[in-house]
Amino acid sequence: MGLINPVGVVGEGGGYRLVHGHRRLRACKDLGRKEIEAVILDAETQSEDEVTFAENFFRTDLTPVELAVAIAKQLESGKWTVEQIAAGFHRSADWVRRQIAITEWPDEILGALHSGGLSIAAAEPLAQVTEAASREFFVRQAVESGATARTTSSWLQGWRAMLPPSAAVQISPGPGGSSPAPAVPQVPCIVCSNVFRVDAVSHVPVCCECVRHLRDH
């Protein structure tokens, strides 16, 4: 059985150098295959940046943050368009734009993503919390409890439900494809971190400084 996506090589020194398909080649070697299909690429059109770009994505295990930054840098270089990057990943242009948007997320969310404490799906709702103290509290609780996207979506909706109407109407909707929030707003208890419907918790006004104190202790 042949490869669905052959590896890509360029001519070099009388032989060939692998440009992309490192994982496929390794898997075939593990299966004991001696020959696999390959596509010979035009070396004249393969710049070092393009080769490095390919190796980064097909050879290295990148964290979500590293992947997003690499995609953003490649787009900024002007060598690849959004559509070309999307085609290379077999994804949509919207997926590429959402990857680039990740690079603009707050530092505490990027740190949790990079360390593996949060998944992209769980982090995306938290990136929409614009108040820093609340967002930092949510991120810490999400990492410590292993919160899912469903849980963080409920936190986001609960946070929005507690905003003054004048502030709530100015918030832009989340990006397309994000996890839907539950119909009934929910919030985490600031003591036990369990999530409850907003009508099942008491209303305790807490200032930003006290939120930080509770978060740190």
N, C-alpha and C. Protein backbone atom coordinates (compact mmCIF):
# COMPACT_ATOMS: atom_id res chain seq x y z
N MET A 1 0.84 -1.19 0.00
CA MET A 1 0.00 0.00 0.00
C MET A 1 0.88 1.24 0.00
N GLY A 2 0.59 2.20 -0.89
CA GLY A 2 1.40 3.40 -0.99
C GLY A 2 0.98 4.46 0.01
N LEU A 3 1.80 5.50 0.10
CA LEU A 3 1.50 6.61 0.99
C LEU A 3 0.43 7.48 0.36
N ILE A 4 -0.50 7.95 1.17
CA ILE A 4 -1.51 8.88 0.67
C ILE A 4 -0.84 10.20 0.31
N ASN A 5 0.11 10.64 1.16
CA ASN A 5 0.88 11.86 0.91
C ASN A 5 2.35 11.50 0.86
N PRO A 6 2.94 11.38 -0.34
CA PRO A 6 4.36 11.03 -0.46
C PRO A 6 5.24 12.06 0.24
N VAL A 7 6.44 11.63 0.65
CA VAL A 7 7.39 12.56 1.24
C VAL A 7 7.95 13.43 0.13
N GLY A 8 8.55 14.57 0.51
CA GLY A 8 9.13 15.48 -0.47
C GLY A 8 10.63 15.57 -0.31
N VAL A 9 11.37 15.53 -1.42
CA VAL A 9 12.83 15.60 -1.38
C VAL A 9 13.33 16.60 -2.41
N VAL A 10 14.54 17.07 -2.21
CA VAL A 10 15.21 17.93 -3.20
C VAL A 10 16.57 17.31 -3.50
N GLY A 11 17.04 17.49 -4.73
CA GLY A 11 18.34 16.97 -5.10
C GLY A 11 19.45 17.71 -4.40
N GLU A 12 20.46 16.94 -3.91
CA GLU A 12 21.57 17.57 -3.19
C GLU A 12 22.76 16.62 -3.17
N GLY A 13 23.91 17.11 -3.68
CA GLY A 13 25.14 16.33 -3.60
C GLY A 13 25.08 14.97 -4.26
N GLY A 14 24.40 14.88 -5.37
CA GLY A 14 24.30 13.60 -6.06
C GLY A 14 23.24 12.68 -5.48
N GLY A 15 22.59 13.12 -4.41
CA GLY A 15 21.51 12.32 -3.82
C GLY A 15 20.30 13.19 -3.57
N TYR A 16 19.60 12.91 -2.52
CA TYR A 16 18.39 13.66 -2.20
C TYR A 16 18.35 13.98 -0.72
N ARG A 17 17.79 15.13 -0.42
CA ARG A 17 17.60 15.54 0.98
C ARG A 17 16.10 15.64 1.26
N LEU A 18 15.69 15.03 2.38
CA LEU A 18 14.29 15.04 2.76
C LEU A 18 13.89 16.43 3.25
N VAL A 19 12.81 16.96 2.68
CA VAL A 19 12.32 18.28 3.07
C VAL A 19 11.11 18.15 3.99
N HIS A 20 10.17 17.32 3.62
CA HIS A 20 9.03 17.08 4.50
C HIS A 20 8.60 15.62 4.42
N GLY A 21 8.04 15.15 5.52
CA GLY A 21 7.63 13.76 5.61
C GLY A 21 8.49 12.96 6.56
N HIS A 22 9.16 13.64 7.51
CA HIS A 22 10.06 12.96 8.43
C HIS A 22 9.32 11.91 9.27
N ARG A 23 8.15 12.24 9.74
CA ARG A 23 7.41 11.29 10.57
C ARG A 23 6.93 10.11 9.73
N ARG A 24 6.50 10.39 8.51
CA ARG A 24 6.05 9.28 7.64
C ARG A 24 7.21 8.35 7.32
N LEU A 25 8.39 8.94 7.07
CA LEU A 25 9.57 8.11 6.78
C LEU A 25 9.93 7.25 7.99
N ARG A 26 9.90 7.86 9.18
CA ARG A 26 10.24 7.11 10.38
C ARG A 26 9.25 5.96 10.61
N ALA A 27 7.97 6.24 10.37
CA ALA A 27 6.94 5.20 10.56
C ALA A 27 7.15 4.05 9.58
N CYS A 28 7.52 4.39 8.32
CA CYS A 28 7.75 3.34 7.32
C CYS A 28 8.98 2.50 7.68
N LYS A 29 10.01 3.16 8.22
CA LYS A 29 11.20 2.42 8.65
C LYS A 29 10.84 1.46 9.78
N ASP A 30 10.00 1.93 10.70
CA ASP A 30 9.60 1.07 11.81
C ASP A 30 8.81 -0.13 11.33
N LEU A 31 8.12 0.02 10.19
CA LEU A 31 7.35 -1.08 9.61
C LEU A 31 8.21 -2.01 8.75
N GLY A 32 9.49 -1.62 8.60
CA GLY A 32 10.40 -2.47 7.84
C GLY A 32 10.37 -2.24 6.34
N ARG A 33 9.76 -1.13 5.90
CA ARG A 33 9.70 -0.86 4.47
C ARG A 33 11.04 -0.34 3.97
N LYS A 34 11.46 -0.82 2.81
CA LYS A 34 12.73 -0.42 2.21
C LYS A 34 12.57 0.72 1.21
N GLU A 35 11.39 0.84 0.65
CA GLU A 35 11.14 1.88 -0.34
C GLU A 35 9.80 2.54 -0.05
N ILE A 36 9.74 3.86 -0.28
CA ILE A 36 8.48 4.59 -0.15
C ILE A 36 8.38 5.60 -1.29
N GLU A 37 7.18 6.09 -1.53
CA GLU A 37 6.97 7.06 -2.58
C GLU A 37 7.49 8.43 -2.15
N ALA A 38 8.04 9.16 -3.11
CA ALA A 38 8.56 10.50 -2.84
C ALA A 38 8.30 11.40 -4.03
N VAL A 39 8.17 12.69 -3.74
CA VAL A 39 8.01 13.70 -4.78
C VAL A 39 9.28 14.54 -4.80
N ILE A 40 9.89 14.68 -6.00
CA ILE A 40 11.10 15.50 -6.13
C ILE A 40 10.69 16.94 -6.33
N LEU A 41 11.07 17.79 -5.40
CA LEU A 41 10.70 19.20 -5.45
C LEU A 41 11.74 20.00 -6.22
N ASP A 42 11.35 21.16 -6.68
CA ASP A 42 12.24 22.04 -7.42
C ASP A 42 13.16 22.75 -6.43
N ALA A 43 14.42 22.39 -6.43
CA ALA A 43 15.37 22.97 -5.47
C ALA A 43 15.51 24.47 -5.63
N GLU A 44 15.35 24.98 -6.86
CA GLU A 44 15.54 26.41 -7.08
C GLU A 44 14.47 27.24 -6.38
N THR A 45 13.32 26.64 -6.12
CA THR A 45 12.25 27.38 -5.47
C THR A 45 12.19 27.11 -3.98
N GLN A 46 13.11 26.28 -3.48
CA GLN A 46 13.14 25.94 -2.06
C GLN A 46 14.17 26.80 -1.34
N SER A 47 13.72 27.90 -0.74
CA SER A 47 14.63 28.74 0.02
C SER A 47 14.91 28.07 1.36
N GLU A 48 15.96 28.50 2.05
CA GLU A 48 16.29 27.92 3.35
C GLU A 48 15.16 28.15 4.35
N ASP A 49 14.51 29.33 4.25
CA ASP A 49 13.41 29.60 5.17
C ASP A 49 12.28 28.60 4.95
N GLU A 50 12.00 28.28 3.69
CA GLU A 50 10.92 27.35 3.40
C GLU A 50 11.26 25.95 3.89
N VAL A 51 12.55 25.56 3.74
CA VAL A 51 12.97 24.24 4.21
C VAL A 51 12.86 24.18 5.73
N THR A 52 13.33 25.24 6.41
CA THR A 52 13.24 25.29 7.86
C THR A 52 11.79 25.25 8.31
N PHE A 53 10.96 25.99 7.59
CA PHE A 53 9.53 26.01 7.91
C PHE A 53 8.94 24.61 7.84
N ALA A 54 9.27 23.90 6.76
CA ALA A 54 8.75 22.54 6.60
C ALA A 54 9.27 21.62 7.69
N GLU A 55 10.56 21.73 8.00
CA GLU A 55 11.14 20.86 9.02
C GLU A 55 10.53 21.13 10.39
N ASN A 56 10.25 22.40 10.67
CA ASN A 56 9.66 22.75 11.95
C ASN A 56 8.30 22.08 12.15
N PHE A 57 7.53 22.01 11.08
CA PHE A 57 6.19 21.49 11.19
C PHE A 57 6.11 19.98 11.03
N PHE A 58 6.98 19.41 10.24
CA PHE A 58 6.87 17.98 9.97
C PHE A 58 7.89 17.13 10.73
N ARG A 59 8.80 17.79 11.44
CA ARG A 59 9.84 17.04 12.14
C ARG A 59 9.82 17.28 13.64
N THR A 60 9.41 18.47 14.06
CA THR A 60 9.47 18.84 15.46
C THR A 60 8.09 18.82 16.09
N ASP A 61 8.03 18.35 17.33
CA ASP A 61 6.78 18.39 18.09
C ASP A 61 6.64 19.78 18.71
N LEU A 62 5.81 20.61 18.13
CA LEU A 62 5.64 21.98 18.60
C LEU A 62 4.50 22.06 19.59
N THR A 63 4.63 22.96 20.57
CA THR A 63 3.52 23.27 21.45
C THR A 63 2.53 24.14 20.67
N PRO A 64 1.29 24.27 21.13
CA PRO A 64 0.33 25.13 20.43
C PRO A 64 0.83 26.56 20.24
N VAL A 65 1.54 27.07 21.24
CA VAL A 65 2.05 28.44 21.14
C VAL A 65 3.15 28.52 20.09
N GLU A 66 4.07 27.55 20.09
CA GLU A 66 5.15 27.55 19.10
C GLU A 66 4.59 27.43 17.69
N LEU A 67 3.57 26.61 17.53
CA LEU A 67 2.93 26.46 16.23
C LEU A 67 2.32 27.76 15.76
N ALA A 68 1.58 28.43 16.66
CA ALA A 68 0.93 29.69 16.31
C ALA A 68 1.95 30.76 15.94
N VAL A 69 3.03 30.85 16.72
CA VAL A 69 4.07 31.85 16.46
C VAL A 69 4.76 31.57 15.12
N ALA A 70 5.05 30.30 14.84
CA ALA A 70 5.71 29.96 13.59
C ALA A 70 4.83 30.30 12.39
N ILE A 71 3.54 30.03 12.50
CA ILE A 71 2.62 30.36 11.41
C ILE A 71 2.55 31.86 11.21
N ALA A 72 2.46 32.61 12.32
CA ALA A 72 2.39 34.06 12.23
C ALA A 72 3.64 34.64 11.59
N LYS A 73 4.81 34.12 11.97
CA LYS A 73 6.07 34.62 11.40
C LYS A 73 6.15 34.32 9.91
N GLN A 74 5.68 33.15 9.52
CA GLN A 74 5.73 32.79 8.11
C GLN A 74 4.83 33.71 7.29
N LEU A 75 3.68 34.04 7.85
CA LEU A 75 2.76 34.94 7.15
C LEU A 75 3.35 36.35 7.08
N GLU A 76 3.97 36.78 8.17
CA GLU A 76 4.57 38.12 8.21
C GLU A 76 5.72 38.24 7.21
N SER A 77 6.38 37.13 6.91
CA SER A 77 7.51 37.18 5.97
C SER A 77 7.07 37.52 4.56
N GLY A 78 5.77 37.31 4.29
CA GLY A 78 5.25 37.60 2.96
C GLY A 78 5.51 36.52 1.93
N LYS A 79 6.14 35.42 2.33
CA LYS A 79 6.47 34.36 1.38
C LYS A 79 5.30 33.40 1.16
N TRP A 80 4.44 33.30 2.18
CA TRP A 80 3.29 32.42 2.07
C TRP A 80 2.04 33.23 2.39
N THR A 81 0.95 32.93 1.73
CA THR A 81 -0.33 33.56 2.03
C THR A 81 -1.10 32.68 3.01
N VAL A 82 -2.17 33.23 3.55
CA VAL A 82 -3.01 32.45 4.46
C VAL A 82 -3.51 31.19 3.76
N GLU A 83 -3.90 31.34 2.50
CA GLU A 83 -4.44 30.21 1.74
C GLU A 83 -3.38 29.14 1.50
N GLN A 84 -2.14 29.55 1.24
CA GLN A 84 -1.07 28.59 1.02
C GLN A 84 -0.73 27.83 2.29
N ILE A 85 -0.70 28.54 3.41
CA ILE A 85 -0.43 27.88 4.69
C ILE A 85 -1.56 26.90 5.01
N ALA A 86 -2.79 27.32 4.77
CA ALA A 86 -3.94 26.45 5.02
C ALA A 86 -3.85 25.18 4.18
N ALA A 87 -3.46 25.33 2.92
CA ALA A 87 -3.34 24.17 2.04
C ALA A 87 -2.25 23.23 2.53
N GLY A 88 -1.14 23.80 3.01
CA GLY A 88 -0.04 22.98 3.49
C GLY A 88 -0.42 22.14 4.70
N PHE A 89 -1.32 22.66 5.52
CA PHE A 89 -1.77 21.94 6.71
C PHE A 89 -3.05 21.16 6.45
N HIS A 90 -3.59 21.27 5.25
CA HIS A 90 -4.86 20.64 4.93
C HIS A 90 -5.95 21.15 5.87
N ARG A 91 -5.91 22.44 6.14
CA ARG A 91 -6.90 23.09 7.01
C ARG A 91 -7.52 24.26 6.26
N SER A 92 -8.48 24.91 6.92
CA SER A 92 -9.15 26.05 6.31
C SER A 92 -8.37 27.34 6.59
N ALA A 93 -8.68 28.37 5.81
CA ALA A 93 -8.04 29.67 6.04
C ALA A 93 -8.46 30.22 7.40
N ASP A 94 -9.69 29.93 7.82
CA ASP A 94 -10.15 30.39 9.13
C ASP A 94 -9.32 29.77 10.24
N TRP A 95 -8.92 28.50 10.07
CA TRP A 95 -8.07 27.84 11.07
C TRP A 95 -6.74 28.56 11.19
N VAL A 96 -6.17 28.96 10.06
CA VAL A 96 -4.89 29.68 10.08
C VAL A 96 -5.05 31.01 10.81
N ARG A 97 -6.12 31.73 10.53
CA ARG A 97 -6.34 33.03 11.18
C ARG A 97 -6.52 32.86 12.68
N ARG A 98 -7.18 31.80 13.09
CA ARG A 98 -7.36 31.55 14.52
C ARG A 98 -6.03 31.20 15.18
N GLN A 99 -5.17 30.50 14.46
CA GLN A 99 -3.83 30.20 14.99
C GLN A 99 -3.06 31.48 15.21
N ILE A 100 -3.13 32.39 14.24
CA ILE A 100 -2.42 33.66 14.36
C ILE A 100 -2.97 34.48 15.52
N ALA A 101 -4.29 34.43 15.73
CA ALA A 101 -4.91 35.17 16.82
C ALA A 101 -4.41 34.71 18.18
N ILE A 102 -4.00 33.46 18.27
CA ILE A 102 -3.49 32.93 19.54
C ILE A 102 -2.29 33.73 20.03
N THR A 103 -1.47 34.22 19.12
CA THR A 103 -0.26 34.97 19.51
C THR A 103 -0.59 36.27 20.23
N GLU A 104 -1.84 36.73 20.12
CA GLU A 104 -2.26 37.97 20.77
C GLU A 104 -2.93 37.72 22.12
N TRP A 105 -3.05 36.46 22.52
CA TRP A 105 -3.69 36.15 23.79
C TRP A 105 -2.82 36.63 24.96
N PRO A 106 -3.42 36.88 26.13
CA PRO A 106 -2.66 37.34 27.30
C PRO A 106 -1.56 36.36 27.69
N ASP A 107 -0.52 36.89 28.33
CA ASP A 107 0.66 36.10 28.65
C ASP A 107 0.36 34.89 29.53
N GLU A 108 -0.54 35.07 30.53
CA GLU A 108 -0.79 33.95 31.44
C GLU A 108 -1.46 32.79 30.71
N ILE A 109 -2.26 33.09 29.69
CA ILE A 109 -2.89 32.03 28.91
C ILE A 109 -1.86 31.36 28.01
N LEU A 110 -1.01 32.14 27.38
CA LEU A 110 0.03 31.57 26.53
C LEU A 110 0.97 30.69 27.35
N GLY A 111 1.28 31.12 28.57
CA GLY A 111 2.15 30.33 29.43
C GLY A 111 1.53 28.99 29.78
N ALA A 112 0.23 29.00 30.09
CA ALA A 112 -0.47 27.75 30.43
C ALA A 112 -0.57 26.84 29.21
N LEU A 113 -0.78 27.43 28.05
CA LEU A 113 -0.82 26.64 26.81
C LEU A 113 0.53 26.00 26.53
N HIS A 114 1.57 26.79 26.64
CA HIS A 114 2.92 26.32 26.30
C HIS A 114 3.36 25.20 27.23
N SER A 115 2.97 25.27 28.49
CA SER A 115 3.37 24.25 29.46
C SER A 115 2.48 23.02 29.42
N GLY A 116 1.39 23.10 28.67
CA GLY A 116 0.48 21.96 28.60
C GLY A 116 -0.60 21.98 29.66
N GLY A 117 -0.67 23.04 30.44
CA GLY A 117 -1.69 23.13 31.48
C GLY A 117 -3.07 23.39 30.96
N LEU A 118 -3.17 23.94 29.76
CA LEU A 118 -4.46 24.24 29.13
C LEU A 118 -4.45 23.76 27.68
N SER A 119 -5.61 23.32 27.22
CA SER A 119 -5.77 23.02 25.79
C SER A 119 -6.23 24.29 25.09
N ILE A 120 -6.08 24.35 23.78
CA ILE A 120 -6.54 25.52 23.04
C ILE A 120 -8.03 25.70 23.22
N ALA A 121 -8.79 24.61 23.18
CA ALA A 121 -10.24 24.70 23.31
C ALA A 121 -10.65 25.29 24.65
N ALA A 122 -9.95 24.90 25.71
CA ALA A 122 -10.27 25.43 27.04
C ALA A 122 -9.76 26.85 27.22
N ALA A 123 -8.67 27.19 26.55
CA ALA A 123 -8.07 28.52 26.70
C ALA A 123 -8.83 29.60 25.93
N GLU A 124 -9.44 29.21 24.81
CA GLU A 124 -10.09 30.19 23.93
C GLU A 124 -11.15 31.03 24.65
N PRO A 125 -12.05 30.42 25.44
CA PRO A 125 -13.02 31.26 26.16
C PRO A 125 -12.35 32.20 27.16
N LEU A 126 -11.30 31.74 27.83
CA LEU A 126 -10.64 32.58 28.83
C LEU A 126 -9.95 33.78 28.19
N ALA A 127 -9.53 33.63 26.94
CA ALA A 127 -8.88 34.75 26.24
C ALA A 127 -9.85 35.89 26.00
N GLN A 128 -11.14 35.62 26.11
CA GLN A 128 -12.16 36.65 25.89
C GLN A 128 -12.54 37.38 27.17
N VAL A 129 -11.97 36.96 28.31
CA VAL A 129 -12.19 37.67 29.58
C VAL A 129 -11.23 38.86 29.61
N THR A 130 -11.77 40.05 29.50
CA THR A 130 -10.93 41.23 29.33
C THR A 130 -10.44 41.82 30.65
N GLU A 131 -11.05 41.45 31.77
CA GLU A 131 -10.63 41.99 33.07
C GLU A 131 -9.51 41.10 33.60
N ALA A 132 -8.34 41.69 33.80
CA ALA A 132 -7.13 40.92 34.08
C ALA A 132 -7.22 40.06 35.33
N ALA A 133 -7.71 40.62 36.44
CA ALA A 133 -7.73 39.87 37.70
C ALA A 133 -8.64 38.64 37.59
N SER A 134 -9.80 38.82 36.98
CA SER A 134 -10.71 37.68 36.81
C SER A 134 -10.11 36.64 35.88
N ARG A 135 -9.48 37.11 34.81
CA ARG A 135 -8.88 36.17 33.85
C ARG A 135 -7.77 35.36 34.49
N GLU A 136 -6.91 36.02 35.26
CA GLU A 136 -5.83 35.31 35.94
C GLU A 136 -6.37 34.27 36.92
N PHE A 137 -7.46 34.63 37.61
CA PHE A 137 -8.08 33.71 38.54
C PHE A 137 -8.63 32.49 37.80
N PHE A 138 -9.33 32.73 36.69
CA PHE A 138 -9.90 31.64 35.90
C PHE A 138 -8.80 30.72 35.35
N VAL A 139 -7.72 31.32 34.86
CA VAL A 139 -6.64 30.53 34.28
C VAL A 139 -6.03 29.62 35.34
N ARG A 140 -5.80 30.19 36.52
CA ARG A 140 -5.22 29.38 37.60
C ARG A 140 -6.15 28.22 37.97
N GLN A 141 -7.44 28.53 38.09
CA GLN A 141 -8.40 27.48 38.44
C GLN A 141 -8.49 26.42 37.34
N ALA A 142 -8.42 26.86 36.09
CA ALA A 142 -8.52 25.93 34.96
C ALA A 142 -7.33 24.97 34.94
N VAL A 143 -6.14 25.50 35.18
CA VAL A 143 -4.94 24.66 35.18
C VAL A 143 -4.97 23.67 36.35
N GLU A 144 -5.35 24.16 37.53
CA GLU A 144 -5.34 23.31 38.72
C GLU A 144 -6.40 22.22 38.66
N SER A 145 -7.55 22.52 38.03
CA SER A 145 -8.65 21.56 38.00
C SER A 145 -8.73 20.78 36.70
N GLY A 146 -7.88 21.13 35.72
CA GLY A 146 -7.95 20.45 34.42
C GLY A 146 -9.26 20.76 33.70
N ALA A 147 -9.69 22.01 33.76
CA ALA A 147 -10.98 22.41 33.20
C ALA A 147 -11.06 22.14 31.70
N THR A 148 -12.24 21.74 31.26
CA THR A 148 -12.50 21.50 29.84
C THR A 148 -13.03 22.77 29.19
N ALA A 149 -13.18 22.73 27.87
CA ALA A 149 -13.72 23.88 27.14
C ALA A 149 -15.14 24.19 27.59
N ARG A 150 -15.92 23.16 27.91
CA ARG A 150 -17.29 23.38 28.38
C ARG A 150 -17.28 24.18 29.69
N THR A 151 -16.36 23.82 30.57
CA THR A 151 -16.28 24.51 31.86
C THR A 151 -15.84 25.96 31.69
N THR A 152 -14.78 26.18 30.93
CA THR A 152 -14.29 27.56 30.76
C THR A 152 -15.29 28.41 29.98
N SER A 153 -16.07 27.80 29.10
CA SER A 153 -17.12 28.55 28.40
C SER A 153 -18.19 29.01 29.39
N SER A 154 -18.50 28.15 30.36
CA SER A 154 -19.48 28.54 31.37
C SER A 154 -18.93 29.65 32.25
N TRP A 155 -17.62 29.61 32.55
CA TRP A 155 -17.02 30.69 33.33
C TRP A 155 -17.11 32.01 32.57
N LEU A 156 -16.82 31.95 31.28
CA LEU A 156 -16.89 33.17 30.46
C LEU A 156 -18.30 33.73 30.47
N GLN A 157 -19.31 32.87 30.30
CA GLN A 157 -20.68 33.36 30.26
C GLN A 157 -21.09 33.92 31.61
N GLY A 158 -20.66 33.25 32.69
CA GLY A 158 -20.97 33.76 34.01
C GLY A 158 -20.33 35.10 34.27
N TRP A 159 -19.07 35.26 33.82
CA TRP A 159 -18.37 36.55 33.98
C TRP A 159 -19.11 37.65 33.22
N ARG A 160 -19.53 37.33 31.99
CA ARG A 160 -20.26 38.32 31.20
C ARG A 160 -21.60 38.66 31.84
N ALA A 161 -22.24 37.68 32.46
CA ALA A 161 -23.54 37.92 33.08
C ALA A 161 -23.45 38.88 34.25
N MET A 162 -22.28 38.97 34.87
CA MET A 162 -22.10 39.86 36.02
C MET A 162 -21.63 41.25 35.62
N LEU A 163 -21.38 41.47 34.32
CA LEU A 163 -20.96 42.79 33.86
C LEU A 163 -22.15 43.74 33.79
N PRO A 164 -21.92 45.04 33.97
CA PRO A 164 -22.99 46.01 33.76
C PRO A 164 -23.47 45.92 32.31
N PRO A 165 -24.74 46.11 32.04
CA PRO A 165 -25.26 46.02 30.66
C PRO A 165 -24.49 46.86 29.67
N SER A 166 -24.07 48.07 30.09
CA SER A 166 -23.36 48.96 29.17
C SER A 166 -22.04 48.37 28.73
N ALA A 167 -21.40 47.56 29.61
CA ALA A 167 -20.13 46.94 29.26
C ALA A 167 -20.35 45.66 28.49
N ALA A 168 -21.38 44.90 28.84
CA ALA A 168 -21.63 43.62 28.20
C ALA A 168 -21.93 43.76 26.72
N VAL A 169 -22.67 44.81 26.34
CA VAL A 169 -23.06 44.95 24.93
C VAL A 169 -21.90 45.33 24.04
N GLN A 170 -20.77 45.75 24.64
CA GLN A 170 -19.62 46.15 23.84
C GLN A 170 -18.67 45.00 23.55
N ILE A 171 -18.92 43.83 24.13
CA ILE A 171 -18.04 42.69 23.94
C ILE A 171 -18.35 42.01 22.63
N SER A 172 -17.31 41.80 21.83
CA SER A 172 -17.49 41.12 20.55
C SER A 172 -17.72 39.64 20.78
N PRO A 173 -18.49 38.98 19.90
CA PRO A 173 -18.69 37.54 20.05
C PRO A 173 -17.39 36.79 19.84
N GLY A 174 -17.32 35.58 20.37
CA GLY A 174 -16.12 34.76 20.23
C GLY A 174 -15.93 34.33 18.80
N PRO A 175 -14.73 33.81 18.45
CA PRO A 175 -14.45 33.36 17.09
C PRO A 175 -15.31 32.18 16.71
N GLY A 176 -15.60 32.06 15.43
CA GLY A 176 -16.42 30.95 14.97
C GLY A 176 -15.77 29.63 15.26
N GLY A 177 -16.59 28.65 15.61
CA GLY A 177 -16.07 27.31 15.86
C GLY A 177 -15.70 27.05 17.31
N SER A 178 -15.80 28.09 18.18
CA SER A 178 -15.49 27.86 19.58
C SER A 178 -16.61 27.07 20.23
N SER A 179 -16.32 26.45 21.36
CA SER A 179 -17.29 25.60 22.03
C SER A 179 -18.49 26.42 22.48
N PRO A 180 -19.71 25.95 22.24
CA PRO A 180 -20.90 26.69 22.65
C PRO A 180 -21.02 26.74 24.16
N ALA A 181 -21.46 27.87 24.68
CA ALA A 181 -21.64 28.01 26.11
C ALA A 181 -22.99 27.45 26.52
N PRO A 182 -23.11 26.96 27.76
CA PRO A 182 -24.40 26.45 28.22
C PRO A 182 -25.45 27.55 28.20
N ALA A 183 -26.71 27.17 28.10
CA ALA A 183 -27.79 28.15 28.02
C ALA A 183 -27.92 28.93 29.32
N VAL A 184 -27.65 28.28 30.46
CA VAL A 184 -27.77 28.94 31.76
C VAL A 184 -26.38 29.37 32.22
N PRO A 185 -26.16 30.66 32.51
CA PRO A 185 -24.84 31.11 32.97
C PRO A 185 -24.39 30.37 34.21
N GLN A 186 -23.09 30.06 34.26
CA GLN A 186 -22.51 29.38 35.40
C GLN A 186 -21.23 30.09 35.80
N VAL A 187 -20.88 29.99 37.08
CA VAL A 187 -19.67 30.62 37.59
C VAL A 187 -18.99 29.69 38.57
N PRO A 188 -17.66 29.82 38.71
CA PRO A 188 -16.96 29.00 39.72
C PRO A 188 -17.06 29.65 41.09
N CYS A 189 -17.23 28.82 42.10
CA CYS A 189 -17.20 29.32 43.47
C CYS A 189 -15.78 29.77 43.79
N ILE A 190 -15.63 30.95 44.39
CA ILE A 190 -14.29 31.46 44.66
C ILE A 190 -13.62 30.71 45.81
N VAL A 191 -14.35 29.85 46.51
CA VAL A 191 -13.78 29.09 47.62
C VAL A 191 -13.39 27.67 47.19
N CYS A 192 -14.36 26.92 46.61
CA CYS A 192 -14.09 25.52 46.27
C CYS A 192 -13.79 25.30 44.79
N SER A 193 -14.02 26.32 43.95
CA SER A 193 -13.75 26.28 42.50
C SER A 193 -14.73 25.43 41.72
N ASN A 194 -15.72 24.82 42.39
CA ASN A 194 -16.75 24.09 41.66
C ASN A 194 -17.65 25.06 40.93
N VAL A 195 -18.25 24.60 39.83
CA VAL A 195 -19.06 25.47 38.99
C VAL A 195 -20.54 25.30 39.31
N PHE A 196 -21.24 26.44 39.45
CA PHE A 196 -22.66 26.42 39.77
C PHE A 196 -23.40 27.40 38.86
N ARG A 197 -24.70 27.18 38.73
CA ARG A 197 -25.54 28.17 38.04
C ARG A 197 -25.48 29.48 38.83
N VAL A 198 -25.60 30.60 38.10
CA VAL A 198 -25.49 31.89 38.78
C VAL A 198 -26.63 32.10 39.78
N ASP A 199 -27.77 31.42 39.54
CA ASP A 199 -28.87 31.59 40.49
C ASP A 199 -28.74 30.67 41.70
N ALA A 200 -27.61 29.90 41.76
CA ALA A 200 -27.40 29.00 42.89
C ALA A 200 -26.24 29.47 43.77
N VAL A 201 -25.70 30.64 43.47
CA VAL A 201 -24.61 31.18 44.28
C VAL A 201 -25.01 32.53 44.81
N SER A 202 -24.41 32.93 45.92
CA SER A 202 -24.71 34.23 46.49
C SER A 202 -23.93 35.31 45.75
N HIS A 203 -24.47 36.50 45.76
CA HIS A 203 -23.78 37.62 45.10
C HIS A 203 -22.89 38.31 46.13
N VAL A 204 -21.59 38.13 45.98
CA VAL A 204 -20.63 38.72 46.91
C VAL A 204 -19.72 39.65 46.12
N PRO A 205 -19.94 40.96 46.20
CA PRO A 205 -19.06 41.89 45.48
C PRO A 205 -17.63 41.78 45.99
N VAL A 206 -16.70 41.54 45.11
CA VAL A 206 -15.30 41.40 45.48
C VAL A 206 -14.47 42.28 44.56
N CYS A 207 -13.62 43.11 45.15
CA CYS A 207 -12.79 44.00 44.34
C CYS A 207 -11.62 43.22 43.74
N CYS A 208 -10.94 43.83 42.79
CA CYS A 208 -9.83 43.19 42.09
C CYS A 208 -8.70 42.80 43.05
N GLU A 209 -8.41 43.66 44.02
CA GLU A 209 -7.32 43.37 44.96
C GLU A 209 -7.63 42.14 45.79
N CYS A 210 -8.89 42.01 46.21
CA CYS A 210 -9.27 40.84 47.01
C CYS A 210 -9.26 39.57 46.16
N VAL A 211 -9.63 39.72 44.87
CA VAL A 211 -9.57 38.56 43.97
C VAL A 211 -8.13 38.08 43.89
N ARG A 212 -7.19 39.02 43.76
CA ARG A 212 -5.78 38.65 43.70
C ARG A 212 -5.34 37.97 45.00
N HIS A 213 -5.82 38.49 46.11
CA HIS A 213 -5.46 37.90 47.42
C HIS A 213 -6.00 36.46 47.51
N LEU A 214 -7.24 36.26 47.12
CA LEU A 214 -7.82 34.92 47.14
C LEU A 214 -7.11 33.99 46.19
N ARG A 215 -6.72 34.54 45.05
CA ARG A 215 -6.03 33.73 44.06
C ARG A 215 -4.67 33.27 44.56
N ASP A 216 -3.97 34.15 45.24
CA ASP A 216 -2.62 33.85 45.71
C ASP A 216 -2.58 33.07 47.01
N HIS A 217 -3.70 32.97 47.67
CA HIS A 217 -3.72 32.26 48.96
C HIS A 217 -4.77 31.18 48.93
